[in-house]
Structures are given as C-alpha cells and as structure tokens.
N, C-alpha and C. Protein backbone atom coordinates (compact mmCIF):
# COMPACT_ATOMS: atom_id res chain seq x y z
N UNK A 1 -69.20 -10.51 -44.82
CA UNK A 1 -67.88 -10.37 -44.96
C UNK A 1 -67.61 -10.16 -43.29
N UNK A 2 -66.84 -10.63 -42.71
CA UNK A 2 -66.29 -10.35 -41.20
C UNK A 2 -65.84 -8.71 -40.73
N UNK A 3 -66.41 -7.58 -40.14
CA UNK A 3 -65.19 -6.24 -40.16
C UNK A 3 -64.15 -6.87 -39.33
N UNK A 4 -64.17 -8.24 -38.49
CA UNK A 4 -63.05 -7.96 -37.63
C UNK A 4 -61.28 -8.85 -38.47
N UNK A 5 -62.00 -9.18 -39.90
CA UNK A 5 -60.66 -9.31 -40.86
C UNK A 5 -60.12 -7.84 -41.30
N UNK A 6 -60.46 -6.54 -41.34
CA UNK A 6 -60.33 -5.18 -41.64
C UNK A 6 -59.41 -4.73 -40.46
N UNK A 7 -59.43 -5.64 -39.15
CA UNK A 7 -58.64 -4.57 -38.07
C UNK A 7 -57.21 -4.64 -38.22
N UNK A 8 -56.46 -3.53 -37.73
CA UNK A 8 -55.14 -2.81 -38.16
C UNK A 8 -54.33 -3.71 -36.65
N UNK A 9 -53.33 -3.75 -37.09
CA UNK A 9 -52.05 -4.54 -36.33
C UNK A 9 -51.46 -3.25 -35.68
N UNK A 10 -51.30 -3.46 -34.08
CA UNK A 10 -50.72 -2.30 -33.35
C UNK A 10 -49.60 -2.98 -33.63
N UNK A 11 -48.80 -1.38 -33.37
CA UNK A 11 -47.20 -1.82 -33.60
C UNK A 11 -47.00 -1.72 -31.59
N UNK A 12 -46.02 -3.15 -31.24
CA UNK A 12 -45.56 -3.42 -29.91
C UNK A 12 -44.94 -1.79 -29.35
N UNK A 13 -44.65 -1.61 -28.29
CA UNK A 13 -44.35 -0.11 -27.61
C UNK A 13 -43.87 -0.71 -26.15
N UNK A 14 -42.72 0.06 -26.48
CA UNK A 14 -42.87 -0.42 -24.44
C UNK A 14 -42.91 1.46 -24.22
N UNK A 15 -43.84 1.42 -22.51
CA UNK A 15 -43.74 2.36 -22.31
C UNK A 15 -42.96 3.35 -22.78
N UNK A 16 -41.25 3.27 -21.94
CA UNK A 16 -39.98 4.49 -22.13
C UNK A 16 -40.05 4.96 -23.43
N UNK A 17 -40.19 4.04 -24.09
CA UNK A 17 -39.97 4.02 -25.67
C UNK A 17 -41.40 4.78 -26.00
N UNK A 18 -42.93 4.87 -25.53
CA UNK A 18 -43.62 5.95 -26.14
C UNK A 18 -43.75 7.34 -25.52
N UNK A 19 -42.52 7.24 -24.63
CA UNK A 19 -42.53 8.40 -23.63
C UNK A 19 -41.14 9.15 -24.68
N UNK A 20 -40.51 8.37 -25.18
CA UNK A 20 -39.79 9.70 -25.99
C UNK A 20 -40.41 9.98 -27.46
N UNK A 21 -41.43 8.63 -27.95
CA UNK A 21 -42.11 9.75 -28.67
C UNK A 21 -42.82 10.25 -28.83
N UNK A 22 -43.71 10.96 -27.41
CA UNK A 22 -44.00 11.72 -27.16
C UNK A 22 -43.23 13.15 -27.11
N UNK A 23 -41.79 12.89 -26.37
CA UNK A 23 -41.36 14.07 -25.86
C UNK A 23 -40.04 14.77 -28.16
N UNK A 24 -40.39 13.57 -28.26
CA UNK A 24 -39.75 13.45 -29.56
C UNK A 24 -41.10 14.72 -30.45
N UNK A 25 -42.01 14.35 -30.50
CA UNK A 25 -43.14 14.72 -30.27
C UNK A 25 -43.43 16.61 -30.53
N UNK A 26 -43.49 16.88 -29.09
CA UNK A 26 -43.44 17.94 -28.84
C UNK A 26 -42.69 19.27 -28.84
N UNK A 27 -40.65 17.99 -28.76
CA UNK A 27 -40.64 18.73 -29.10
C UNK A 27 -39.79 18.93 -31.60
N UNK A 28 -40.71 18.15 -31.57
CA UNK A 28 -40.41 18.55 -33.90
C UNK A 28 -41.58 19.71 -33.64
N UNK A 29 -42.80 19.60 -32.84
CA UNK A 29 -44.00 20.56 -33.14
C UNK A 29 -44.14 21.58 -32.10
N UNK A 30 -43.14 22.17 -31.73
CA UNK A 30 -42.32 23.27 -30.90
C UNK A 30 -43.76 23.71 -29.94
N UNK A 31 -44.47 22.42 -29.28
CA UNK A 31 -46.10 23.03 -28.78
C UNK A 31 -45.26 22.55 -26.84
N UNK A 32 -46.29 23.12 -26.12
CA UNK A 32 -45.96 22.64 -25.01
C UNK A 32 -46.09 21.40 -24.41
N UNK A 33 -46.31 20.80 -23.28
CA UNK A 33 -46.54 20.35 -22.74
C UNK A 33 -47.63 19.85 -21.80
N UNK A 34 -48.64 19.97 -22.32
CA UNK A 34 -50.73 20.57 -21.27
C UNK A 34 -50.86 19.15 -21.52
N UNK A 35 -51.26 19.32 -20.89
CA UNK A 35 -52.70 18.21 -20.61
C UNK A 35 -53.55 17.97 -21.76
N UNK A 36 -53.92 18.37 -22.67
CA UNK A 36 -54.61 18.99 -23.66
C UNK A 36 -54.08 18.12 -24.95
N UNK A 37 -52.64 18.29 -25.01
CA UNK A 37 -51.60 18.08 -26.21
C UNK A 37 -51.66 16.26 -25.37
N UNK A 38 -51.32 15.76 -24.95
CA UNK A 38 -51.30 14.57 -24.29
C UNK A 38 -51.91 13.80 -24.71
N UNK A 39 -53.60 13.88 -24.28
CA UNK A 39 -54.76 13.31 -24.60
C UNK A 39 -54.43 13.31 -25.74
N UNK A 40 -54.83 14.14 -27.02
CA UNK A 40 -54.70 14.53 -28.31
C UNK A 40 -54.00 13.68 -28.76
N UNK A 41 -52.27 13.48 -28.43
CA UNK A 41 -51.05 12.49 -28.58
C UNK A 41 -51.76 11.23 -28.28
N UNK A 42 -52.26 11.01 -27.50
CA UNK A 42 -52.54 9.46 -27.12
C UNK A 42 -54.21 8.95 -28.15
N UNK A 43 -54.61 9.27 -28.38
CA UNK A 43 -56.27 9.65 -29.35
C UNK A 43 -55.30 9.75 -30.11
N UNK A 44 -54.55 9.44 -30.76
CA UNK A 44 -53.77 9.77 -32.76
C UNK A 44 -53.11 8.90 -32.52
N UNK A 45 -52.68 8.25 -31.34
CA UNK A 45 -51.70 7.19 -31.55
C UNK A 45 -52.27 5.77 -31.04
N UNK A 46 -53.47 5.83 -30.23
CA UNK A 46 -54.72 4.76 -30.13
C UNK A 46 -54.43 3.25 -31.55
N UNK A 47 -54.77 4.37 -32.29
CA UNK A 47 -55.40 2.74 -33.27
C UNK A 47 -53.45 2.33 -33.73
N UNK A 48 -52.60 2.99 -33.31
CA UNK A 48 -51.20 2.59 -34.01
C UNK A 48 -50.51 1.87 -32.80
N UNK A 49 -50.30 2.25 -32.29
CA UNK A 49 -49.30 1.75 -30.97
C UNK A 49 -50.36 0.86 -29.82
N UNK A 50 -49.51 -0.01 -29.51
CA UNK A 50 -49.82 -0.68 -28.19
C UNK A 50 -48.98 -1.09 -27.09
N UNK A 51 -49.78 -0.10 -25.84
CA UNK A 51 -48.15 -0.22 -24.57
C UNK A 51 -47.60 -1.75 -24.16
N UNK A 52 -46.56 -2.03 -23.57
CA UNK A 52 -46.17 -2.94 -23.21
C UNK A 52 -45.19 -2.43 -22.14
N UNK A 53 -46.15 -3.53 -20.48
CA UNK A 53 -44.68 -3.04 -19.93
C UNK A 53 -42.88 -3.31 -19.92
C-alpha cells in the first residue's frame, strides 16, 4: 500500500491570514508573544496550513 495515499491535504492560507490566526491564538489562550510560543504555534500548524504569498 502506498503511504502517500494517506497524506493530508493542506489548507492554503495567506501570510496575513496566518498572522491573524496567530494573534487570535494568543488572545484566546492568554499567552504572551514569545519566540517559543511562535515556534510551537508554527509546528502545531505545519500539518494543517500551507502559507501562500
């Protein structure tokens, strides 16, 4: 069986919309804008979103 058959389709999102999602994430979770938080956010969403220009 081909493992690529199970690849998840990424949602395409603009840089501006991705930044908006990040700002909303910070507000909803009441966390400060730290480098470690941003890295975690990016890793968490790397399998969900594809950022386009």
